PDB file of N, CA and C in Angstrom:
ATOM      1  N   MET A   1     -31.712 -16.311   6.492  1.00  0.00           N
ATOM      2  CA  MET A   1     -31.339 -14.916   6.589  1.00  0.00           C
ATOM      3  C   MET A   1     -32.154 -14.244   7.696  1.00  0.00           C
ATOM      4  N   ARG A   2     -33.419 -14.526   7.725  1.00  0.00           N
ATOM      5  CA  ARG A   2     -34.280 -13.900   8.729  1.00  0.00           C
ATOM      6  C   ARG A   2     -33.829 -14.286  10.134  1.00  0.00           C
ATOM      7  N   LYS A   3     -33.512 -15.573  10.316  1.00  0.00           N
ATOM      8  CA  LYS A   3     -33.069 -16.059  11.629  1.00  0.00           C
ATOM      9  C   LYS A   3     -31.759 -15.387  12.026  1.00  0.00           C
ATOM     10  N   LEU A   4     -30.837 -15.262  11.091  1.00  0.00           N
ATOM     11  CA  LEU A   4     -29.573 -14.588  11.392  1.00  0.00           C
ATOM     12  C   LEU A   4     -29.808 -13.141  11.813  1.00  0.00           C
ATOM     13  N   ARG A   5     -30.651 -12.459  11.095  1.00  0.00           N
ATOM     14  CA  ARG A   5     -30.934 -11.059  11.427  1.00  0.00           C
ATOM     15  C   ARG A   5     -31.622 -10.941  12.776  1.00  0.00           C
ATOM     16  N   GLN A   6     -32.498 -11.872  13.098  1.00  0.00           N
ATOM     17  CA  GLN A   6     -33.155 -11.868  14.405  1.00  0.00           C
ATOM     18  C   GLN A   6     -32.139 -12.023  15.530  1.00  0.00           C
ATOM     19  N   GLU A   7     -31.059 -12.730  15.227  1.00  0.00           N
ATOM     20  CA  GLU A   7     -29.998 -12.947  16.214  1.00  0.00           C
ATOM     21  C   GLU A   7     -28.920 -11.859  16.133  1.00  0.00           C
ATOM     22  N   SER A   8     -29.190 -10.811  15.376  1.00  0.00           N
ATOM     23  CA  SER A   8     -28.260  -9.690  15.187  1.00  0.00           C
ATOM     24  C   SER A   8     -26.934 -10.112  14.566  1.00  0.00           C
ATOM     25  N   VAL A   9     -26.987 -11.124  13.714  1.00  0.00           N
ATOM     26  CA  VAL A   9     -25.798 -11.577  13.004  1.00  0.00           C
ATOM     27  C   VAL A   9     -25.767 -10.857  11.663  1.00  0.00           C
ATOM     28  N   ARG A  10     -24.660 -10.159  11.414  1.00  0.00           N
ATOM     29  CA  ARG A  10     -24.527  -9.486  10.124  1.00  0.00           C
ATOM     30  C   ARG A  10     -24.481 -10.548   9.033  1.00  0.00           C
ATOM     31  N   SER A  11     -25.260 -10.347   8.020  1.00  0.00           N
ATOM     32  CA  SER A  11     -25.307 -11.318   6.937  1.00  0.00           C
ATOM     33  C   SER A  11     -25.695 -10.621   5.648  1.00  0.00           C
ATOM     34  N   ALA A  12     -25.378 -11.288   4.567  1.00  0.00           N
ATOM     35  CA  ALA A  12     -25.740 -10.777   3.252  1.00  0.00           C
ATOM     36  C   ALA A  12     -26.119 -11.963   2.376  1.00  0.00           C
ATOM     37  N   GLU A  13     -26.994 -11.701   1.475  1.00  0.00           N
ATOM     38  CA  GLU A  13     -27.445 -12.748   0.561  1.00  0.00           C
ATOM     39  C   GLU A  13     -26.881 -12.463  -0.821  1.00  0.00           C
ATOM     40  N   ILE A  14     -26.330 -13.473  -1.414  1.00  0.00           N
ATOM     41  CA  ILE A  14     -25.835 -13.362  -2.783  1.00  0.00           C
ATOM     42  C   ILE A  14     -26.733 -14.224  -3.649  1.00  0.00           C
ATOM     43  N   ARG A  15     -27.415 -13.595  -4.552  1.00  0.00           N
ATOM     44  CA  ARG A  15     -28.285 -14.340  -5.462  1.00  0.00           C
ATOM     45  C   ARG A  15     -27.532 -14.614  -6.749  1.00  0.00           C
ATOM     46  N   VAL A  16     -27.608 -15.839  -7.189  1.00  0.00           N
ATOM     47  CA  VAL A  16     -26.926 -16.240  -8.411  1.00  0.00           C
ATOM     48  C   VAL A  16     -27.983 -16.522  -9.467  1.00  0.00           C
ATOM     49  N   ALA A  17     -27.853 -15.863 -10.594  1.00  0.00           N
ATOM     50  CA  ALA A  17     -28.804 -16.058 -11.690  1.00  0.00           C
ATOM     51  C   ALA A  17     -28.601 -17.442 -12.307  1.00  0.00           C
ATOM     52  N   PRO A  18     -29.656 -18.017 -12.854  1.00  0.00           N
ATOM     53  CA  PRO A  18     -29.509 -19.313 -13.525  1.00  0.00           C
ATOM     54  C   PRO A  18     -28.455 -19.227 -14.627  1.00  0.00           C
ATOM     55  N   LEU A  19     -27.715 -20.284 -14.771  1.00  0.00           N
ATOM     56  CA  LEU A  19     -26.662 -20.351 -15.770  1.00  0.00           C
ATOM     57  C   LEU A  19     -27.214 -21.013 -17.023  1.00  0.00           C
ATOM     58  N   LEU A  20     -27.246 -20.267 -18.107  1.00  0.00           N
ATOM     59  CA  LEU A  20     -27.769 -20.802 -19.351  1.00  0.00           C
ATOM     60  C   LEU A  20     -26.712 -21.659 -20.038  1.00  0.00           C
ATOM     61  N   ILE A  21     -27.102 -22.852 -20.450  1.00  0.00           N
ATOM     62  CA  ILE A  21     -26.200 -23.789 -21.116  1.00  0.00           C
ATOM     63  C   ILE A  21     -26.419 -23.659 -22.620  1.00  0.00           C
ATOM     64  N   SER A  22     -25.606 -22.834 -23.240  1.00  0.00           N
ATOM     65  CA  SER A  22     -25.708 -22.644 -24.689  1.00  0.00           C
ATOM     66  C   SER A  22     -25.002 -23.801 -25.397  1.00  0.00           C
ATOM     67  N   PRO A  23     -25.218 -23.956 -26.693  1.00  0.00           N
ATOM     68  CA  PRO A  23     -24.521 -25.025 -27.424  1.00  0.00           C
ATOM     69  C   PRO A  23     -22.995 -24.923 -27.350  1.00  0.00           C
ATOM     70  N   ARG A  24     -22.461 -23.727 -27.145  1.00  0.00           N
ATOM     71  CA  ARG A  24     -21.009 -23.544 -27.059  1.00  0.00           C
ATOM     72  C   ARG A  24     -20.507 -23.412 -25.612  1.00  0.00           C
ATOM     73  N   PHE A  25     -21.381 -23.572 -24.646  1.00  0.00           N
ATOM     74  CA  PHE A  25     -21.032 -23.356 -23.238  1.00  0.00           C
ATOM     75  C   PHE A  25     -19.781 -24.128 -22.812  1.00  0.00           C
ATOM     76  N   PHE A  26     -19.670 -25.377 -23.190  1.00  0.00           N
ATOM     77  CA  PHE A  26     -18.574 -26.226 -22.719  1.00  0.00           C
ATOM     78  C   PHE A  26     -17.268 -26.011 -23.489  1.00  0.00           C
ATOM     79  N   CYS A  27     -17.282 -25.164 -24.517  1.00  0.00           N
ATOM     80  CA  CYS A  27     -16.055 -24.876 -25.258  1.00  0.00           C
ATOM     81  C   CYS A  27     -15.016 -24.194 -24.383  1.00  0.00           C
ATOM     82  N   ARG A  28     -15.425 -23.647 -23.260  1.00  0.00           N
ATOM     83  CA  ARG A  28     -14.470 -22.986 -22.363  1.00  0.00           C
ATOM     84  C   ARG A  28     -13.617 -23.991 -21.589  1.00  0.00           C
ATOM     85  N   VAL A  29     -13.940 -25.283 -21.693  1.00  0.00           N
ATOM     86  CA  VAL A  29     -13.144 -26.340 -21.068  1.00  0.00           C
ATOM     87  C   VAL A  29     -12.082 -26.783 -22.065  1.00  0.00           C
ATOM     88  N   ARG A  30     -10.839 -26.777 -21.649  1.00  0.00           N
ATOM     89  CA  ARG A  30      -9.743 -27.185 -22.532  1.00  0.00           C
ATOM     90  C   ARG A  30      -9.987 -28.595 -23.048  1.00  0.00           C
ATOM     91  N   GLY A  31      -9.905 -28.757 -24.355  1.00  0.00           N
ATOM     92  CA  GLY A  31     -10.084 -30.060 -24.969  1.00  0.00           C
ATOM     93  C   GLY A  31     -11.500 -30.341 -25.455  1.00  0.00           C
ATOM     94  N   ILE A  32     -12.423 -29.411 -25.206  1.00  0.00           N
ATOM     95  CA  ILE A  32     -13.798 -29.604 -25.688  1.00  0.00           C
ATOM     96  C   ILE A  32     -14.048 -28.634 -26.834  1.00  0.00           C
ATOM     97  N   ASN A  33     -14.308 -29.208 -28.010  1.00  0.00           N
ATOM     98  CA  ASN A  33     -14.572 -28.382 -29.187  1.00  0.00           C
ATOM     99  C   ASN A  33     -16.080 -28.139 -29.321  1.00  0.00           C
ATOM    100  N   GLU A  34     -16.456 -27.388 -30.331  1.00  0.00           N
ATOM    101  CA  GLU A  34     -17.868 -27.028 -30.489  1.00  0.00           C
ATOM    102  C   GLU A  34     -18.753 -28.256 -30.708  1.00  0.00           C
ATOM    103  N   SER A  35     -18.286 -29.210 -31.464  1.00  0.00           N
ATOM    104  CA  SER A  35     -19.064 -30.422 -31.718  1.00  0.00           C
ATOM    105  C   SER A  35     -19.351 -31.184 -30.420  1.00  0.00           C
ATOM    106  N   LEU A  36     -18.332 -31.341 -29.594  1.00  0.00           N
ATOM    107  CA  LEU A  36     -18.517 -32.042 -28.323  1.00  0.00           C
ATOM    108  C   LEU A  36     -19.378 -31.222 -27.368  1.00  0.00           C
ATOM    109  N   SER A  37     -19.217 -29.911 -27.365  1.00  0.00           N
ATOM    110  CA  SER A  37     -20.040 -29.050 -26.524  1.00  0.00           C
ATOM    111  C   SER A  37     -21.519 -29.185 -26.889  1.00  0.00           C
ATOM    112  N   ARG A  38     -21.803 -29.215 -28.182  1.00  0.00           N
ATOM    113  CA  ARG A  38     -23.195 -29.386 -28.630  1.00  0.00           C
ATOM    114  C   ARG A  38     -23.737 -30.759 -28.209  1.00  0.00           C
ATOM    115  N   ALA A  39     -22.900 -31.775 -28.312  1.00  0.00           N
ATOM    116  CA  ALA A  39     -23.324 -33.124 -27.897  1.00  0.00           C
ATOM    117  C   ALA A  39     -23.607 -33.169 -26.397  1.00  0.00           C
ATOM    118  N   LEU A  40     -22.797 -32.482 -25.615  1.00  0.00           N
ATOM    119  CA  LEU A  40     -23.029 -32.410 -24.173  1.00  0.00           C
ATOM    120  C   LEU A  40     -24.356 -31.725 -23.871  1.00  0.00           C
ATOM    121  N   ARG A  41     -24.618 -30.635 -24.574  1.00  0.00           N
ATOM    122  CA  ARG A  41     -25.878 -29.929 -24.337  1.00  0.00           C
ATOM    123  C   ARG A  41     -27.066 -30.815 -24.695  1.00  0.00           C
ATOM    124  N   ARG A  42     -26.947 -31.572 -25.785  1.00  0.00           N
ATOM    125  CA  ARG A  42     -28.036 -32.498 -26.151  1.00  0.00           C
ATOM    126  C   ARG A  42     -28.231 -33.556 -25.062  1.00  0.00           C
ATOM    127  N   ALA A  43     -27.138 -34.046 -24.490  1.00  0.00           N
ATOM    128  CA  ALA A  43     -27.240 -35.045 -23.420  1.00  0.00           C
ATOM    129  C   ALA A  43     -27.937 -34.453 -22.192  1.00  0.00           C
ATOM    130  N   LEU A  44     -27.740 -33.172 -21.962  1.00  0.00           N
ATOM    131  CA  LEU A  44     -28.338 -32.511 -20.802  1.00  0.00           C
ATOM    132  C   LEU A  44     -29.739 -31.962 -21.073  1.00  0.00           C
ATOM    133  N   ALA A  45     -30.169 -31.979 -22.315  1.00  0.00           N
ATOM    134  CA  ALA A  45     -31.445 -31.367 -22.697  1.00  0.00           C
ATOM    135  C   ALA A  45     -32.623 -31.751 -21.795  1.00  0.00           C
ATOM    136  N   PRO A  46     -32.772 -33.015 -21.385  1.00  0.00           N
ATOM    137  CA  PRO A  46     -33.907 -33.341 -20.514  1.00  0.00           C
ATOM    138  C   PRO A  46     -33.847 -32.655 -19.143  1.00  0.00           C
ATOM    139  N   LEU A  47     -32.702 -32.152 -18.765  1.00  0.00           N
ATOM    140  CA  LEU A  47     -32.537 -31.507 -17.456  1.00  0.00           C
ATOM    141  C   LEU A  47     -32.624 -29.990 -17.525  1.00  0.00           C
ATOM    142  N   LEU A  48     -32.793 -29.449 -18.749  1.00  0.00           N
ATOM    143  CA  LEU A  48     -32.820 -28.004 -18.941  1.00  0.00           C
ATOM    144  C   LEU A  48     -34.243 -27.484 -19.042  1.00  0.00           C
ATOM    145  N   ASP A  49     -34.437 -26.246 -18.590  1.00  0.00           N
ATOM    146  CA  ASP A  49     -35.752 -25.632 -18.750  1.00  0.00           C
ATOM    147  C   ASP A  49     -35.874 -25.054 -20.156  1.00  0.00           C
ATOM    148  N   SER A  50     -36.969 -24.379 -20.422  1.00  0.00           N
ATOM    149  CA  SER A  50     -37.223 -23.870 -21.768  1.00  0.00           C
ATOM    150  C   SER A  50     -36.229 -22.795 -22.203  1.00  0.00           C
ATOM    151  N   GLU A  51     -35.525 -22.178 -21.248  1.00  0.00           N
ATOM    152  CA  GLU A  51     -34.542 -21.155 -21.589  1.00  0.00           C
ATOM    153  C   GLU A  51     -33.126 -21.717 -21.689  1.00  0.00           C
ATOM    154  N   GLY A  52     -32.953 -22.991 -21.344  1.00  0.00           N
ATOM    155  CA  GLY A  52     -31.638 -23.608 -21.441  1.00  0.00           C
ATOM    156  C   GLY A  52     -30.847 -23.628 -20.151  1.00  0.00           C
ATOM    157  N   ALA A  53     -31.493 -23.383 -19.016  1.00  0.00           N
ATOM    158  CA  ALA A  53     -30.822 -23.431 -17.710  1.00  0.00           C
ATOM    159  C   ALA A  53     -31.138 -24.759 -17.030  1.00  0.00           C
ATOM    160  N   LEU A  54     -30.188 -25.260 -16.250  1.00  0.00           N
ATOM    161  CA  LEU A  54     -30.446 -26.476 -15.483  1.00  0.00           C
ATOM    162  C   LEU A  54     -31.608 -26.226 -14.532  1.00  0.00           C
ATOM    163  N   ARG A  55     -32.531 -27.164 -14.449  1.00  0.00           N
ATOM    164  CA  ARG A  55     -33.693 -27.026 -13.570  1.00  0.00           C
ATOM    165  C   ARG A  55     -33.328 -27.188 -12.104  1.00  0.00           C
ATOM    166  N   GLU A  56     -32.235 -27.904 -11.834  1.00  0.00           N
ATOM    167  CA  GLU A  56     -31.822 -28.153 -10.457  1.00  0.00           C
ATOM    168  C   GLU A  56     -30.382 -27.691 -10.255  1.00  0.00           C
ATOM    169  N   ASP A  57     -30.033 -27.494  -9.018  1.00  0.00           N
ATOM    170  CA  ASP A  57     -28.660 -27.155  -8.654  1.00  0.00           C
ATOM    171  C   ASP A  57     -27.755 -28.272  -9.164  1.00  0.00           C
ATOM    172  N   PRO A  58     -26.715 -27.952  -9.942  1.00  0.00           N
ATOM    173  CA  PRO A  58     -25.873 -29.008 -10.499  1.00  0.00           C
ATOM    174  C   PRO A  58     -25.163 -29.851  -9.439  1.00  0.00           C
ATOM    175  N   ARG A  59     -25.029 -29.317  -8.224  1.00  0.00           N
ATOM    176  CA  ARG A  59     -24.406 -30.113  -7.160  1.00  0.00           C
ATOM    177  C   ARG A  59     -25.313 -31.227  -6.686  1.00  0.00           C
ATOM    178  N   ALA A  60     -26.621 -31.113  -6.977  1.00  0.00           N
ATOM    179  CA  ALA A  60     -27.566 -32.115  -6.503  1.00  0.00           C
ATOM    180  C   ALA A  60     -28.323 -32.822  -7.631  1.00  0.00           C
ATOM    181  N   SER A  61     -28.151 -32.383  -8.864  1.00  0.00           N
ATOM    182  CA  SER A  61     -28.899 -32.990  -9.965  1.00  0.00           C
ATOM    183  C   SER A  61     -28.179 -34.230 -10.497  1.00  0.00           C
ATOM    184  N   ASP A  62     -28.840 -34.915 -11.401  1.00  0.00           N
ATOM    185  CA  ASP A  62     -28.249 -36.128 -11.976  1.00  0.00           C
ATOM    186  C   ASP A  62     -27.633 -35.872 -13.358  1.00  0.00           C
ATOM    187  N   TRP A  63     -27.042 -34.690 -13.535  1.00  0.00           N
ATOM    188  CA  TRP A  63     -26.448 -34.359 -14.824  1.00  0.00           C
ATOM    189  C   TRP A  63     -25.313 -35.316 -15.175  1.00  0.00           C
ATOM    190  N   ARG A  64     -24.592 -35.789 -14.177  1.00  0.00           N
ATOM    191  CA  ARG A  64     -23.478 -36.703 -14.450  1.00  0.00           C
ATOM    192  C   ARG A  64     -23.987 -37.999 -15.084  1.00  0.00           C
ATOM    193  N   GLU A  65     -25.089 -38.502 -14.578  1.00  0.00           N
ATOM    194  CA  GLU A  65     -25.663 -39.727 -15.134  1.00  0.00           C
ATOM    195  C   GLU A  65     -26.133 -39.503 -16.564  1.00  0.00           C
ATOM    196  N   ALA A  66     -26.679 -38.326 -16.824  1.00  0.00           N
ATOM    197  CA  ALA A  66     -27.127 -38.006 -18.188  1.00  0.00           C
ATOM    198  C   ALA A  66     -25.945 -38.006 -19.151  1.00  0.00           C
ATOM    199  N   VAL A  67     -24.809 -37.478 -18.712  1.00  0.00           N
ATOM    200  CA  VAL A  67     -23.615 -37.446 -19.564  1.00  0.00           C
ATOM    201  C   VAL A  67     -23.034 -38.850 -19.708  1.00  0.00           C
ATOM    202  N   ARG A  68     -22.948 -39.589 -18.615  1.00  0.00           N
ATOM    203  CA  ARG A  68     -22.399 -40.953 -18.678  1.00  0.00           C
ATOM    204  C   ARG A  68     -23.249 -41.856 -19.560  1.00  0.00           C
ATOM    205  N   ALA A  69     -24.553 -41.628 -19.591  1.00  0.00           N
ATOM    206  CA  ALA A  69     -25.452 -42.455 -20.394  1.00  0.00           C
ATOM    207  C   ALA A  69     -25.180 -42.314 -21.887  1.00  0.00           C
ATOM    208  N   GLU A  70     -24.592 -41.199 -22.265  1.00  0.00           N
ATOM    209  CA  GLU A  70     -24.234 -40.960 -23.664  1.00  0.00           C
ATOM    210  C   GLU A  70     -22.781 -41.390 -23.850  1.00  0.00           C
ATOM    211  N   ALA A  71     -22.551 -42.669 -24.023  1.00  0.00           N
ATOM    212  CA  ALA A  71     -21.186 -43.212 -24.089  1.00  0.00           C
ATOM    213  C   ALA A  71     -20.350 -42.537 -25.174  1.00  0.00           C
ATOM    214  N   HIS A  72     -20.977 -42.229 -26.318  1.00  0.00           N
ATOM    215  CA  HIS A  72     -20.224 -41.581 -27.391  1.00  0.00           C
ATOM    216  C   HIS A  72     -19.777 -40.173 -26.996  1.00  0.00           C
ATOM    217  N   VAL A  73     -20.428 -39.588 -25.991  1.00  0.00           N
ATOM    218  CA  VAL A  73     -20.039 -38.269 -25.495  1.00  0.00           C
ATOM    219  C   VAL A  73     -19.036 -38.427 -24.354  1.00  0.00           C
ATOM    220  N   SER A  74     -19.372 -39.225 -23.350  1.00  0.00           N
ATOM    221  CA  SER A  74     -18.513 -39.331 -22.173  1.00  0.00           C
ATOM    222  C   SER A  74     -17.128 -39.884 -22.497  1.00  0.00           C
ATOM    223  N   ALA A  75     -17.029 -40.749 -23.500  1.00  0.00           N
ATOM    224  CA  ALA A  75     -15.729 -41.312 -23.881  1.00  0.00           C
ATOM    225  C   ALA A  75     -14.809 -40.256 -24.488  1.00  0.00           C
ATOM    226  N   ARG A  76     -15.374 -39.173 -24.985  1.00  0.00           N
ATOM    227  CA  ARG A  76     -14.585 -38.122 -25.630  1.00  0.00           C
ATOM    228  C   ARG A  76     -14.178 -37.002 -24.677  1.00  0.00           C
ATOM    229  N   LEU A  77     -14.614 -37.043 -23.428  1.00  0.00           N
ATOM    230  CA  LEU A  77     -14.334 -35.956 -22.494  1.00  0.00           C
ATOM    231  C   LEU A  77     -12.897 -36.004 -22.011  1.00  0.00           C
ATOM    232  N   PRO A  78     -12.180 -34.900 -22.121  1.00  0.00           N
ATOM    233  CA  PRO A  78     -10.785 -34.883 -21.681  1.00  0.00           C
ATOM    234  C   PRO A  78     -10.685 -34.884 -20.164  1.00  0.00           C
ATOM    235  N   GLY A  79      -9.717 -35.618 -19.648  1.00  0.00           N
ATOM    236  CA  GLY A  79      -9.454 -35.639 -18.218  1.00  0.00           C
ATOM    237  C   GLY A  79      -8.426 -34.596 -17.837  1.00  0.00           C
ATOM    238  N   THR A  80      -7.923 -34.704 -16.631  1.00  0.00           N
ATOM    239  CA  THR A  80      -6.943 -33.738 -16.161  1.00  0.00           C
ATOM    240  C   THR A  80      -5.542 -34.028 -16.685  1.00  0.00           C
ATOM    241  N   ARG A  81      -5.318 -35.263 -17.163  1.00  0.00           N
ATOM    242  CA  ARG A  81      -4.017 -35.623 -17.739  1.00  0.00           C
ATOM    243  C   ARG A  81      -4.241 -36.184 -19.135  1.00  0.00           C
ATOM    244  N   PRO A  82      -3.266 -36.028 -20.028  1.00  0.00           N
ATOM    245  CA  PRO A  82      -3.401 -36.568 -21.390  1.00  0.00           C
ATOM    246  C   PRO A  82      -3.698 -38.065 -21.363  1.00  0.00           C
ATOM    247  N   GLY A  83      -4.628 -38.486 -22.179  1.00  0.00           N
ATOM    248  CA  GLY A  83      -4.991 -39.893 -22.277  1.00  0.00           C
ATOM    249  C   GLY A  83      -5.939 -40.372 -21.194  1.00  0.00           C
ATOM    250  N   GLN A  84      -6.272 -39.518 -20.271  1.00  0.00           N
ATOM    251  CA  GLN A  84      -7.173 -39.875 -19.183  1.00  0.00           C
ATOM    252  C   GLN A  84      -8.563 -39.312 -19.478  1.00  0.00           C
ATOM    253  N   ALA A  85      -9.598 -40.098 -19.241  1.00  0.00           N
ATOM    254  CA  ALA A  85     -10.962 -39.627 -19.444  1.00  0.00           C
ATOM    255  C   ALA A  85     -11.434 -38.845 -18.219  1.00  0.00           C
ATOM    256  N   ASP A  86     -12.369 -37.962 -18.433  1.00  0.00           N
ATOM    257  CA  ASP A  86     -12.939 -37.168 -17.348  1.00  0.00           C
ATOM    258  C   ASP A  86     -13.745 -38.074 -16.422  1.00  0.00           C
ATOM    259  N   THR A  87     -13.522 -37.956 -15.131  1.00  0.00           N
ATOM    260  CA  THR A  87     -14.225 -38.774 -14.135  1.00  0.00           C
ATOM    261  C   THR A  87     -15.585 -38.198 -13.776  1.00  0.00           C
ATOM    262  N   LEU A  88     -15.816 -36.937 -14.092  1.00  0.00           N
ATOM    263  CA  LEU A  88     -17.022 -36.185 -13.744  1.00  0.00           C
ATOM    264  C   LEU A  88     -17.188 -36.019 -12.236  1.00  0.00           C
ATOM    265  N   GLU A  89     -16.116 -36.253 -11.481  1.00  0.00           N
ATOM    266  CA  GLU A  89     -16.167 -36.126 -10.029  1.00  0.00           C
ATOM    267  C   GLU A  89     -16.050 -34.661  -9.610  1.00  0.00           C
ATOM    268  N   PRO A  90     -16.851 -34.260  -8.599  1.00  0.00           N
ATOM    269  CA  PRO A  90     -16.763 -32.879  -8.105  1.00  0.00           C
ATOM    270  C   PRO A  90     -15.344 -32.540  -7.652  1.00  0.00           C
ATOM    271  N   ASP A  91     -14.930 -31.330  -7.878  1.00  0.00           N
ATOM    272  CA  ASP A  91     -13.624 -30.793  -7.502  1.00  0.00           C
ATOM    273  C   ASP A  91     -12.446 -31.437  -8.231  1.00  0.00           C
ATOM    274  N   ALA A  92     -12.697 -32.348  -9.149  1.00  0.00           N
ATOM    275  CA  ALA A  92     -11.610 -32.990  -9.894  1.00  0.00           C
ATOM    276  C   ALA A  92     -11.846 -32.943 -11.396  1.00  0.00           C
ATOM    277  N   SER A  93     -13.077 -32.967 -11.802  1.00  0.00           N
ATOM    278  CA  SER A  93     -13.439 -33.022 -13.214  1.00  0.00           C
ATOM    279  C   SER A  93     -13.377 -31.649 -13.867  1.00  0.00           C
ATOM    280  N   PRO A  94     -12.676 -31.522 -15.001  1.00  0.00           N
ATOM    281  CA  PRO A  94     -12.709 -30.246 -15.724  1.00  0.00           C
ATOM    282  C   PRO A  94     -14.129 -29.848 -16.121  1.00  0.00           C
ATOM    283  N   LEU A  95     -14.940 -30.809 -16.491  1.00  0.00           N
ATOM    284  CA  LEU A  95     -16.310 -30.510 -16.897  1.00  0.00           C
ATOM    285  C   LEU A  95     -17.161 -30.090 -15.695  1.00  0.00           C
ATOM    286  N   ALA A  96     -17.006 -30.775 -14.577  1.00  0.00           N
ATOM    287  CA  ALA A  96     -17.789 -30.453 -13.379  1.00  0.00           C
ATOM    288  C   ALA A  96     -17.440 -29.088 -12.817  1.00  0.00           C
ATOM    289  N   GLU A  97     -16.250 -28.610 -13.123  1.00  0.00           N
ATOM    290  CA  GLU A  97     -15.805 -27.336 -12.569  1.00  0.00           C
ATOM    291  C   GLU A  97     -15.914 -26.180 -13.551  1.00  0.00           C
ATOM    292  N   VAL A  98     -16.520 -26.403 -14.709  1.00  0.00           N
ATOM    293  CA  VAL A  98     -16.638 -25.319 -15.689  1.00  0.00           C
ATOM    294  C   VAL A  98     -17.442 -24.173 -15.078  1.00  0.00           C
ATOM    295  N   ARG A  99     -16.959 -22.965 -15.292  1.00  0.00           N
ATOM    296  CA  ARG A  99     -17.591 -21.766 -14.767  1.00  0.00           C
ATOM    297  C   ARG A  99     -17.886 -20.803 -15.909  1.00  0.00           C
ATOM    298  N   PRO A 100     -18.884 -19.969 -15.710  1.00  0.00           N
ATOM    299  CA  PRO A 100     -19.171 -18.982 -16.746  1.00  0.00           C
ATOM    300  C   PRO A 100     -18.054 -17.957 -16.828  1.00  0.00           C
ATOM    301  N   THR A 101     -17.905 -17.375 -17.990  1.00  0.00           N
ATOM    302  CA  THR A 101     -16.944 -16.286 -18.113  1.00  0.00           C
ATOM    303  C   THR A 101     -17.603 -15.027 -17.600  1.00  0.00           C
ATOM    304  N   VAL A 102     -16.809 -14.174 -17.043  1.00  0.00           N
ATOM    305  CA  VAL A 102     -17.375 -12.917 -16.502  1.00  0.00           C
ATOM    306  C   VAL A 102     -16.845 -11.719 -17.233  1.00  0.00           C
TER     307      VAL A 102
END
């Protein structure tokens, strides 16, 4: 930002608050019930801070590996088509694209 301003480039900074992962957070994804949402949060627990937010940017963290390691959880994740499991791939996975409600 400082460099842009030094170059007289109009710019603005958007700060995004940490996203808290509550036990029901993943219920907003079609096909994920409260039980599965809680299991997902437990799988992610080692990656969360004391307030329940991811410690790292989810685009760069190893949250996918944490979910895949829990086979009983990852096998239950709904994919984009009926009968298909979630790939956890960016821009394709319903779980990877979950957003907070506003």
